[in-house]
Amino acid sequence: MRKHRVCVFGAVLSVVLCFFSGVHVSAQSNFNSYTYDEWDESVAAPASYQPVMVKNGLEAGSGAWNTPQDFFLDGDGHLYVADTGNNRIVVLDENLCLVEIMESVRMDGEEVALSDIQGLYVTEEHVIYAAQTAANRILIIRDGEVEETIEKPVSTMIPQDFIFSPTKIGLDVYGRVYVLSKGCYSGLLQFDLDGSFMGFFGANKVEVTAQVIFNYMWKSILSDEQRAAMTSILPIEYSNIDCSEDGFVYTSTVGTQMPKSQIKKLNPLGNNIYYTAGRKEFNFGDEEFFYSKGKVNYPSFIDVKVREDGFIFAVDLTSGRIFERDQEGNLIAVFGGAGSQFGTFSTPVAVEVYNDKVYVLDRLKNNITIFAPTEYGALVERATLLYKDGLYDESSAVWKQVLARNANSTLAYNGIGKALVQNGDYTEALKYLRYSGDKYSYSKSFGKNRLLVVRKYGTYVLLALLALGLLIGIKKQVLKRRKRNEK
């Protein structure tokens, strides 16, 4: 295996240069921070994440990068960058300083160049899964040696003309491998621990658009030959995958005109179970659509990453923004954007998280930007986790701190309201849930509050009605007797 290792003097120089170059600390962002009110209209909000560092290959000490397609952060904080245009893998530490450069590996006793690597995954044992797209295979590398490869599976489920072009890779907690192959519309390819093909997993459905409806109507009246000549409408491909520690497979999708369910949480059956409260599909990105030259700019998510605590980060290729949501679909943060300034992107292609920091790879700028949470952003995440852990009073106290910093935070109103619901204070909860925009929680709280009111005052109301009825009956009897006496 041919590697460029940093010599002693070079290592010291690289660390010094790495420390002083590419480091930026900004008091304000070059992008707008916002959230959504109860009417799903964007309103200003304090920044939840701020860019703290950006580096390109020269600043990292590896030489200029060329159209990197992917990167992966392992548990030790080592960042493996697929420097695709330079046919190599660059390994950095969490501060984006050079650790190692890999240009080739040994395979069957020969040197094999790491050409056209478009996807990476690294295990806890530092085994590298590298998607060599042009060579139609995945290399499984341990200590510079290719242990085995994953190539086009032989199966009755695989058509003869199928071309295995792996681009992205994921491994779940059981060691099963999920592969995204270019041009495959049947879903992810799933491989068992021994490398055997298990089948396709979690295919996207065909979008119900005007063209789909039009074609369906025509096919119902055309002949078999005419139907065969029509253009087939296929599902949208996934753009990336992330196998999280909760055992689920998360996917992102690009190029769709249906903004809902662009981020999916697939269970072992391949079904999407990621819905907001009330079992409703929702937009992972913006609630408002933006227009350019008379056309809607639909969100297009290029990558997704799930942090250990359950927060989901996804990169929208259309806007250049990173969206963070929790497991209930609540919007936690929006940061980044399209542009040339610090903290903005030209073509973001991948996102990773390590501890509380977020890393974003830009393919066109050939650099990596690191974001860190602000005090406000840390409070929002802390309050969300406290509620998730059942510490309702503690979460309510933190949500009030959030509300003091951002009166537009529907999330804070919702968090306080839900905490009050858990404590049985439905009347007070309704005051907060009214401004949260969460109709589902408000309706449930209203129903429980009504039931308590009925239980508390129902007996008295019935007694009062009985007494009133009795009085009315007595009054009628008195009036009847008076009329008789008058006669």
Protein backbone atom coordinates (compact mmCIF):
# COMPACT_ATOMS: atom_id res chain seq x y z
CA MET A 1 0.00 0.00 0.00
CA ARG A 2 1.40 3.38 -0.98
CA LYS A 3 0.81 6.10 1.62
CA HIS A 4 2.17 9.59 2.13
CA ARG A 5 2.92 9.82 5.82
CA VAL A 6 3.95 13.09 7.37
CA CYS A 7 7.55 13.06 8.58
CA VAL A 8 8.54 14.42 11.98
CA PHE A 9 9.43 17.92 10.85
CA GLY A 10 6.59 17.93 8.33
CA ALA A 11 4.12 16.78 10.96
CA VAL A 12 5.09 19.59 13.31
CA LEU A 13 4.94 22.14 10.49
CA SER A 14 1.60 20.77 9.28
CA VAL A 15 0.07 20.99 12.76
CA VAL A 16 1.31 24.56 13.21
CA LEU A 17 0.04 25.64 9.81
CA CYS A 18 -3.19 23.74 10.35
CA PHE A 19 -3.76 25.48 13.65
CA PHE A 20 -3.24 28.97 12.28
CA SER A 21 -4.81 28.55 8.84
CA GLY A 22 -8.43 28.19 7.93
CA VAL A 23 -9.66 28.99 11.46
CA HIS A 24 -12.38 31.61 11.68
CA VAL A 25 -14.51 32.76 14.56
CA SER A 26 -17.50 34.87 13.63
CA ALA A 27 -19.72 36.97 15.88
CA GLN A 28 -22.47 37.03 13.31
CA SER A 29 -23.56 34.76 10.50
CA ASN A 30 -23.55 35.38 6.77
CA PHE A 31 -26.98 33.75 6.56
CA ASN A 32 -30.41 34.46 7.97
CA SER A 33 -31.68 32.43 10.92
CA TYR A 34 -35.39 31.82 11.13
CA THR A 35 -38.13 29.54 12.38
CA TYR A 36 -41.85 29.17 11.60
CA ASP A 37 -44.84 30.54 13.51
CA GLU A 38 -48.18 28.84 14.11
CA TRP A 39 -49.31 29.78 10.57
CA ASP A 40 -46.18 28.19 9.00
CA GLU A 41 -44.79 31.59 8.04
CA SER A 42 -41.07 32.25 8.49
CA VAL A 43 -40.09 34.61 11.31
CA ALA A 44 -36.70 35.76 12.56
CA ALA A 45 -34.92 33.67 15.20
CA PRO A 46 -31.54 33.73 16.95
CA ALA A 47 -28.82 31.69 15.27
CA SER A 48 -28.71 28.09 16.51
CA TYR A 49 -25.40 27.23 14.84
CA GLN A 50 -22.46 29.41 13.84
CA PRO A 51 -19.59 28.56 11.49
CA VAL A 52 -16.34 28.32 13.45
CA MET A 53 -13.89 26.94 10.88
CA VAL A 54 -13.49 26.33 7.17
CA LYS A 55 -10.56 24.61 5.43
CA ASN A 56 -9.65 23.45 1.99
CA GLY A 57 -7.09 20.80 1.13
CA LEU A 58 -4.16 23.22 1.06
CA GLU A 59 -5.02 24.56 4.51
CA ALA A 60 -5.48 21.03 5.84
CA GLY A 61 -1.99 20.08 4.62
CA SER A 62 -2.97 17.49 1.99
CA GLY A 63 -2.78 19.62 -1.14
CA ALA A 64 -5.76 20.90 -3.09
CA TRP A 65 -8.83 18.65 -3.27
CA ASN A 66 -10.59 17.95 -6.54
CA THR A 67 -14.40 17.52 -6.49
CA PRO A 68 -14.67 15.44 -3.28
CA GLN A 69 -17.89 13.43 -3.33
CA ASP A 70 -18.24 12.14 0.23
CA PHE A 71 -16.69 11.97 3.69
CA PHE A 72 -17.16 9.92 6.85
CA LEU A 73 -16.42 10.69 10.51
CA ASP A 74 -15.51 7.70 12.66
CA GLY A 75 -15.89 7.37 16.42
CA ASP A 76 -12.36 8.65 17.03
CA GLY A 77 -13.00 11.93 15.27
CA HIS A 78 -11.05 10.96 12.14
CA LEU A 79 -12.56 12.34 8.95
CA TYR A 80 -12.13 10.23 5.80
CA VAL A 81 -12.55 12.39 2.67
CA ALA A 82 -13.19 10.80 -0.72
CA ASP A 83 -11.01 13.14 -2.81
CA THR A 84 -12.55 11.73 -5.95
CA GLY A 85 -10.89 13.90 -8.58
CA ASN A 86 -7.44 13.14 -7.17
CA ASN A 87 -8.11 9.39 -6.82
CA ARG A 88 -7.28 9.20 -3.13
CA ILE A 89 -8.69 9.13 0.40
CA VAL A 90 -7.53 11.90 2.74
CA VAL A 91 -7.74 11.29 6.50
CA LEU A 92 -8.04 14.32 8.79
CA ASP A 93 -8.55 14.79 12.52
CA GLU A 94 -11.55 16.58 14.03
CA ASN A 95 -9.81 19.96 13.57
CA LEU A 96 -9.26 19.21 9.87
CA CYS A 97 -5.51 18.65 10.18
CA LEU A 98 -3.84 16.01 8.03
CA VAL A 99 -3.38 12.52 9.44
CA GLU A 100 -2.79 10.40 6.36
CA ILE A 101 -3.20 10.22 2.59
CA MET A 102 -4.15 6.94 0.89
CA GLU A 103 -3.65 6.74 -2.89
CA SER A 104 -3.62 2.96 -3.31
CA VAL A 105 -4.19 -0.33 -1.51
CA ARG A 106 -2.90 -3.85 -1.97
CA MET A 107 -5.25 -6.34 -3.59
CA ASP A 108 -4.21 -9.90 -4.52
CA GLY A 109 -0.57 -8.89 -4.12
CA GLU A 110 -0.83 -5.88 -6.41
CA GLU A 111 -1.19 -2.12 -5.91
CA VAL A 112 -4.69 -0.89 -6.80
CA ALA A 113 -5.35 2.83 -7.23
CA LEU A 114 -8.22 4.31 -5.23
CA SER A 115 -9.84 5.74 -8.34
CA ASP A 116 -13.37 7.20 -8.54
CA ILE A 117 -14.27 6.74 -4.87
CA GLN A 118 -17.74 8.29 -4.45
CA GLY A 119 -18.85 6.84 -1.14
CA LEU A 120 -17.25 5.87 2.18
CA TYR A 121 -18.08 4.07 5.39
CA VAL A 122 -15.65 3.28 8.22
CA THR A 123 -16.37 0.78 11.01
CA GLU A 124 -15.32 0.99 14.66
CA GLU A 125 -12.45 -1.37 13.79
CA HIS A 126 -11.30 1.14 11.12
CA VAL A 127 -12.32 -1.12 8.26
CA ILE A 128 -12.98 1.08 5.22
CA TYR A 129 -15.81 0.41 2.78
CA ALA A 130 -15.04 2.40 -0.39
CA ALA A 131 -17.50 2.61 -3.30
CA GLN A 132 -15.43 2.45 -6.49
CA THR A 133 -18.22 3.47 -8.83
CA ALA A 134 -16.50 3.24 -12.22
CA ALA A 135 -15.06 -0.19 -11.34
CA ASN A 136 -18.55 -1.41 -10.29
CA ARG A 137 -17.44 -2.64 -6.88
CA ILE A 138 -16.99 -1.86 -3.20
CA LEU A 139 -13.56 -2.35 -1.67
CA ILE A 140 -13.43 -3.57 1.94
CA ILE A 141 -10.05 -2.36 3.22
CA ARG A 142 -8.29 -3.31 6.48
CA ASP A 143 -4.81 -1.92 7.22
CA GLY A 144 -4.19 -1.10 3.59
CA GLU A 145 -5.21 -4.54 2.29
CA VAL A 146 -8.41 -5.35 0.40
CA GLU A 147 -9.99 -8.19 2.39
CA GLU A 148 -12.86 -8.70 -0.03
CA THR A 149 -15.07 -6.89 -2.51
CA ILE A 150 -18.80 -6.50 -3.07
CA GLU A 151 -19.72 -6.70 -6.73
CA LYS A 152 -22.84 -7.21 -8.83
CA PRO A 153 -24.90 -9.84 -7.01
CA VAL A 154 -26.07 -12.97 -8.78
CA SER A 155 -29.77 -13.36 -8.10
CA THR A 156 -33.06 -13.92 -9.87
CA MET A 157 -34.09 -10.51 -8.53
CA ILE A 158 -31.29 -8.82 -10.50
CA PRO A 159 -31.98 -8.19 -14.22
CA GLN A 160 -29.36 -9.30 -16.73
CA ASP A 161 -28.77 -5.72 -17.93
CA PHE A 162 -28.41 -4.34 -14.39
CA ILE A 163 -25.21 -2.32 -13.91
CA PHE A 164 -23.87 -2.28 -10.35
CA SER A 165 -22.60 1.28 -9.83
CA PRO A 166 -22.30 1.80 -6.06
CA THR A 167 -22.18 5.40 -4.88
CA LYS A 168 -23.10 5.40 -1.16
CA ILE A 169 -22.71 2.81 1.60
CA GLY A 170 -24.17 2.23 5.06
CA LEU A 171 -23.78 -0.49 7.70
CA ASP A 172 -26.44 -1.08 10.33
CA VAL A 173 -25.86 -2.17 13.93
CA TYR A 174 -26.03 -5.82 12.85
CA GLY A 175 -23.30 -5.46 10.21
CA ARG A 176 -25.60 -5.66 7.20
CA VAL A 177 -24.48 -3.54 4.25
CA TYR A 178 -26.82 -1.16 2.41
CA VAL A 179 -25.69 0.09 -0.98
CA LEU A 180 -27.05 2.89 -3.14
CA SER A 181 -26.39 2.07 -6.80
CA LYS A 182 -26.64 4.67 -9.56
CA GLY A 183 -29.64 4.09 -11.82
CA CYS A 184 -31.29 1.58 -9.49
CA TYR A 185 -34.96 2.42 -8.87
CA SER A 186 -35.80 -0.67 -6.82
CA GLY A 187 -34.37 0.69 -3.58
CA LEU A 188 -31.18 0.00 -1.67
CA LEU A 189 -29.26 -3.23 -2.24
CA GLN A 190 -28.99 -5.14 1.04
CA PHE A 191 -26.14 -7.56 1.78
CA ASP A 192 -25.78 -9.92 4.75
CA LEU A 193 -22.72 -10.25 6.99
CA ASP A 194 -21.21 -12.89 4.72
CA GLY A 195 -21.65 -10.67 1.65
CA SER A 196 -24.65 -12.57 0.26
CA PHE A 197 -27.35 -10.53 -1.45
CA MET A 198 -30.52 -10.29 0.64
CA GLY A 199 -32.69 -8.25 -1.72
CA PHE A 200 -33.83 -4.70 -2.36
CA PHE A 201 -34.80 -2.51 0.56
CA GLY A 202 -37.19 0.42 0.94
CA ALA A 203 -37.84 1.56 -2.63
CA ASN A 204 -39.27 5.03 -3.23
CA LYS A 205 -42.75 5.20 -4.69
CA VAL A 206 -43.64 6.88 -7.97
CA GLU A 207 -44.66 10.49 -7.38
CA VAL A 208 -48.29 11.25 -8.18
CA THR A 209 -47.80 14.22 -10.50
CA ALA A 210 -49.89 15.63 -13.35
CA GLN A 211 -47.78 13.68 -15.85
CA VAL A 212 -48.35 10.41 -13.97
CA ILE A 213 -52.11 10.95 -13.94
CA PHE A 214 -52.09 11.90 -17.64
CA ASN A 215 -50.12 8.78 -18.58
CA TYR A 216 -52.40 6.56 -16.49
CA MET A 217 -55.47 7.92 -18.29
CA TRP A 218 -53.91 7.35 -21.71
CA LYS A 219 -52.70 3.83 -20.89
CA SER A 220 -56.24 2.83 -20.00
CA ILE A 221 -57.37 3.40 -23.60
CA LEU A 222 -54.23 2.57 -25.62
CA SER A 223 -53.24 -0.77 -27.09
CA ASP A 224 -50.45 -2.95 -25.69
CA GLU A 225 -48.05 -1.79 -28.42
CA GLN A 226 -48.84 1.87 -27.79
CA ARG A 227 -48.45 1.46 -24.03
CA ALA A 228 -45.07 -0.21 -24.52
CA ALA A 229 -43.91 2.73 -26.63
CA MET A 230 -44.74 5.25 -23.92
CA THR A 231 -42.00 6.55 -21.65
CA SER A 232 -41.88 4.71 -18.33
CA ILE A 233 -42.21 6.76 -15.16
CA LEU A 234 -39.86 5.54 -12.46
CA PRO A 235 -39.49 6.34 -8.76
CA ILE A 236 -36.95 8.93 -7.66
CA GLU A 237 -33.59 7.54 -6.57
CA TYR A 238 -32.26 8.01 -3.08
CA SER A 239 -29.33 10.41 -2.79
CA ASN A 240 -27.76 9.10 0.43
CA ILE A 241 -28.20 6.77 3.39
CA ASP A 242 -27.31 6.74 7.07
CA CYS A 243 -27.63 3.70 9.32
CA SER A 244 -28.07 5.06 12.83
CA GLU A 245 -27.51 3.46 16.20
CA ASP A 246 -31.25 3.08 16.78
CA GLY A 247 -31.27 0.31 14.15
CA PHE A 248 -33.14 2.27 11.48
CA VAL A 249 -32.00 3.29 8.00
CA TYR A 250 -32.43 6.96 7.14
CA THR A 251 -32.51 8.07 3.50
CA SER A 252 -32.50 11.37 1.61
CA THR A 253 -33.91 12.08 -1.84
CA VAL A 254 -33.07 14.61 -4.57
CA GLY A 255 -34.92 15.73 -7.67
CA THR A 256 -38.45 15.33 -6.37
CA GLN A 257 -41.37 17.72 -6.69
CA MET A 258 -43.06 16.25 -3.63
CA PRO A 259 -41.60 18.05 -0.61
CA LYS A 260 -43.01 15.58 1.90
CA SER A 261 -41.10 12.49 3.02
CA GLN A 262 -37.81 13.51 1.40
CA ILE A 263 -36.17 12.26 4.58
CA LYS A 264 -37.30 8.76 5.50
CA LYS A 265 -36.78 6.54 8.51
CA LEU A 266 -37.04 2.97 7.26
CA ASN A 267 -37.84 0.11 9.63
CA PRO A 268 -36.63 -3.48 9.03
CA LEU A 269 -39.54 -3.99 6.62
CA GLY A 270 -38.42 -1.02 4.53
CA ASN A 271 -41.43 1.12 5.51
CA ASN A 272 -41.14 4.80 6.32
CA ILE A 273 -42.11 5.45 9.95
CA TYR A 274 -40.86 9.03 10.23
CA TYR A 275 -43.96 11.16 10.75
CA THR A 276 -44.77 14.15 12.86
CA ALA A 277 -47.17 13.95 15.83
CA GLY A 278 -50.58 12.82 14.65
CA ARG A 279 -49.01 10.44 12.08
CA LYS A 280 -48.78 13.11 9.37
CA GLU A 281 -46.17 13.45 6.64
CA PHE A 282 -44.34 16.75 6.73
CA ASN A 283 -41.78 18.87 4.93
CA PHE A 284 -38.32 18.28 6.36
CA GLY A 285 -37.14 21.53 4.78
CA ASP A 286 -38.88 24.87 4.39
CA GLU A 287 -42.61 25.23 4.90
CA GLU A 288 -42.66 28.11 2.40
CA PHE A 289 -41.81 27.59 -1.26
CA PHE A 290 -39.46 29.97 -3.01
CA TYR A 291 -39.78 30.92 -6.66
CA SER A 292 -37.07 31.57 -9.24
CA LYS A 293 -37.88 32.61 -12.81
CA GLY A 294 -41.50 31.64 -12.26
CA LYS A 295 -40.70 28.12 -11.04
CA VAL A 296 -40.87 26.67 -7.56
CA ASN A 297 -37.50 25.82 -6.01
CA TYR A 298 -38.35 22.53 -4.37
CA PRO A 299 -36.03 21.26 -1.63
CA SER A 300 -33.60 18.59 -2.73
CA PHE A 301 -31.82 16.77 0.09
CA ILE A 302 -28.39 15.45 -0.86
CA ASP A 303 -27.39 13.86 2.47
CA VAL A 304 -28.72 12.99 5.92
CA LYS A 305 -27.01 12.23 9.24
CA VAL A 306 -28.49 11.16 12.56
CA ARG A 307 -26.66 12.06 15.76
CA GLU A 308 -26.45 9.65 18.70
CA ASP A 309 -29.05 11.64 20.65
CA GLY A 310 -31.58 11.34 17.79
CA PHE A 311 -31.33 14.76 16.14
CA ILE A 312 -31.46 14.54 12.34
CA PHE A 313 -29.36 16.82 10.09
CA ALA A 314 -29.97 17.04 6.34
CA VAL A 315 -28.45 19.22 3.60
CA ASP A 316 -30.73 20.87 1.05
CA LEU A 317 -28.84 21.15 -2.24
CA THR A 318 -31.32 23.73 -3.57
CA SER A 319 -30.92 26.32 -0.81
CA GLY A 320 -27.58 25.24 0.64
CA ARG A 321 -29.16 25.13 4.10
CA ILE A 322 -28.80 22.50 6.80
CA PHE A 323 -32.03 21.58 8.54
CA GLU A 324 -32.09 19.96 11.97
CA ARG A 325 -35.22 18.21 13.25
CA ASP A 326 -35.99 15.91 16.14
CA GLN A 327 -37.59 12.46 16.01
CA GLU A 328 -41.09 13.99 16.08
CA GLY A 329 -40.43 16.17 13.06
CA ASN A 330 -40.09 19.43 15.01
CA LEU A 331 -37.79 21.99 13.40
CA ILE A 332 -34.83 22.57 15.73
CA ALA A 333 -32.50 24.71 13.62
CA VAL A 334 -31.81 26.10 10.14
CA PHE A 335 -28.34 27.32 9.23
CA GLY A 336 -26.04 27.77 6.26
CA GLY A 337 -27.15 28.88 2.82
CA ALA A 338 -26.03 29.41 -0.76
CA GLY A 339 -23.21 31.89 -1.35
CA SER A 340 -19.49 32.53 -1.31
CA GLN A 341 -19.19 33.88 2.24
CA PHE A 342 -17.98 32.10 5.33
CA GLY A 343 -20.63 29.59 6.43
CA THR A 344 -22.34 29.35 3.03
CA PHE A 345 -21.98 26.82 0.19
CA SER A 346 -21.84 26.40 -3.56
CA THR A 347 -22.52 22.67 -3.84
CA PRO A 348 -22.82 20.95 -0.45
CA VAL A 349 -22.74 17.18 -0.90
CA ALA A 350 -22.30 15.61 2.55
CA VAL A 351 -22.89 16.28 6.25
CA GLU A 352 -21.36 14.65 9.32
CA VAL A 353 -21.62 15.25 13.07
CA TYR A 354 -19.09 14.73 15.84
CA ASN A 355 -19.99 15.55 19.45
CA ASP A 356 -21.85 18.85 19.13
CA LYS A 357 -20.22 20.01 15.87
CA VAL A 358 -21.57 19.72 12.33
CA TYR A 359 -19.25 19.22 9.32
CA VAL A 360 -20.33 20.06 5.75
CA LEU A 361 -18.40 19.12 2.59
CA ASP A 362 -18.64 21.44 -0.43
CA ARG A 363 -17.80 19.74 -3.73
CA LEU A 364 -17.36 22.94 -5.75
CA LYS A 365 -15.48 24.98 -3.16
CA ASN A 366 -13.39 21.92 -2.28
CA ASN A 367 -13.58 22.67 1.43
CA ILE A 368 -15.15 21.61 4.72
CA THR A 369 -17.01 23.96 7.08
CA ILE A 370 -17.47 23.24 10.79
CA PHE A 371 -20.48 24.63 12.69
CA ALA A 372 -20.84 24.77 16.48
CA PRO A 373 -24.05 25.38 18.45
CA THR A 374 -24.71 28.79 19.98
CA GLU A 375 -26.02 29.22 23.52
CA TYR A 376 -29.53 29.50 22.10
CA GLY A 377 -29.15 26.39 19.94
CA ALA A 378 -27.75 24.39 22.86
CA LEU A 379 -30.74 25.40 25.01
CA VAL A 380 -33.22 24.21 22.36
CA GLU A 381 -31.49 20.84 22.03
CA ARG A 382 -31.19 20.45 25.82
CA ALA A 383 -34.87 21.20 26.39
CA THR A 384 -35.86 18.70 23.68
CA LEU A 385 -33.74 15.95 25.22
CA LEU A 386 -34.99 16.64 28.76
CA TYR A 387 -38.58 16.23 27.60
CA LYS A 388 -37.63 13.09 25.68
CA ASP A 389 -36.14 11.64 28.90
CA GLY A 390 -39.35 12.35 30.83
CA LEU A 391 -37.95 15.27 32.84
CA TYR A 392 -40.92 17.53 32.15
CA ASP A 393 -40.42 20.17 34.84
CA GLU A 394 -36.74 20.54 33.94
CA SER A 395 -37.54 20.80 30.23
CA SER A 396 -40.23 23.42 30.89
CA ALA A 397 -37.72 25.58 32.78
CA VAL A 398 -35.27 25.43 29.87
CA TRP A 399 -38.02 26.12 27.33
CA LYS A 400 -38.84 29.29 29.24
CA GLN A 401 -35.21 30.37 28.81
CA VAL A 402 -35.60 29.73 25.08
CA LEU A 403 -38.82 31.75 25.01
CA ALA A 404 -37.09 34.65 26.76
CA ARG A 405 -34.56 34.74 23.89
CA ASN A 406 -37.05 34.13 21.09
CA ALA A 407 -40.70 35.05 21.53
CA ASN A 408 -41.40 33.57 18.06
CA SER A 409 -40.40 30.04 19.08
CA THR A 410 -43.42 27.82 18.54
CA LEU A 411 -41.19 24.98 19.68
CA ALA A 412 -40.83 26.60 23.12
CA TYR A 413 -44.58 27.17 23.43
CA ASN A 414 -45.13 23.58 22.39
CA GLY A 415 -42.52 22.25 24.81
CA ILE A 416 -43.95 24.14 27.79
CA GLY A 417 -47.49 23.15 26.81
CA LYS A 418 -46.62 19.46 26.49
CA ALA A 419 -44.77 19.53 29.83
CA LEU A 420 -47.87 21.01 31.48
CA VAL A 421 -50.00 18.31 29.85
CA GLN A 422 -47.76 15.61 31.32
CA ASN A 423 -48.23 17.22 34.75
CA GLY A 424 -52.01 17.26 34.30
CA ASP A 425 -52.35 21.06 34.11
CA TYR A 426 -54.45 21.08 30.94
CA THR A 427 -55.97 24.54 31.44
CA GLU A 428 -52.56 26.21 31.63
CA ALA A 429 -51.25 23.99 28.82
CA LEU A 430 -53.90 25.28 26.43
CA LYS A 431 -52.57 28.84 26.85
CA TYR A 432 -49.19 27.77 25.47
CA LEU A 433 -50.36 25.20 22.92
CA ARG A 434 -52.59 27.85 21.36
CA TYR A 435 -49.44 29.60 20.08
CA SER A 436 -47.51 26.44 19.19
CA GLY A 437 -49.30 25.61 15.95
CA ASP A 438 -49.57 22.01 17.14
CA LYS A 439 -53.25 21.35 16.48
CA TYR A 440 -52.92 17.69 17.37
CA SER A 441 -51.55 18.35 20.89
CA TYR A 442 -53.98 21.24 21.42
CA SER A 443 -56.94 19.04 20.47
CA LYS A 444 -55.82 16.23 22.82
CA SER A 445 -55.24 18.68 25.68
CA PHE A 446 -58.59 20.36 25.06
CA GLY A 447 -60.35 16.98 25.19
CA LYS A 448 -58.65 16.01 28.45
CA ASN A 449 -59.38 19.42 29.95
CA ARG A 450 -63.04 19.12 28.99
CA LEU A 451 -63.21 15.67 30.61
CA LEU A 452 -61.72 17.03 33.86
CA VAL A 453 -64.18 19.92 33.86
CA VAL A 454 -67.07 17.49 33.37
CA ARG A 455 -65.82 15.25 36.17
CA LYS A 456 -65.25 18.18 38.50
CA TYR A 457 -68.43 20.14 37.90
CA GLY A 458 -70.70 17.58 36.22
CA THR A 459 -72.38 16.45 39.47
CA TYR A 460 -73.07 20.04 40.52
CA VAL A 461 -74.43 20.92 37.10
CA LEU A 462 -76.75 17.90 37.17
CA LEU A 463 -77.94 18.75 40.66
CA ALA A 464 -78.49 22.35 39.61
CA LEU A 465 -80.47 21.22 36.57
CA LEU A 466 -82.54 18.86 38.71
CA ALA A 467 -83.17 21.63 41.22
CA LEU A 468 -84.10 24.01 38.42
CA GLY A 469 -86.45 21.42 36.93
CA LEU A 470 -87.99 20.83 40.34
CA LEU A 471 -88.49 24.56 40.88
CA ILE A 472 -90.05 24.92 37.45
CA GLY A 473 -92.38 21.97 38.22
CA ILE A 474 -93.34 23.48 41.60
CA LYS A 475 -93.94 26.85 39.97
CA LYS A 476 -96.22 25.28 37.38
CA GLN A 477 -98.20 23.49 40.10
CA VAL A 478 -98.55 26.74 42.04
CA LEU A 479 -99.75 28.59 38.94
CA LYS A 480 -102.29 25.84 38.19
CA ARG A 481 -103.69 26.01 41.72
CA ARG A 482 -103.98 29.80 41.53
CA LYS A 483 -105.94 29.53 38.28
CA ARG A 484 -108.30 26.97 39.85
CA ASN A 485 -108.82 29.12 42.90
CA GLU A 486 -109.58 32.15 40.73
CA LYS A 487 -112.29 30.19 38.92
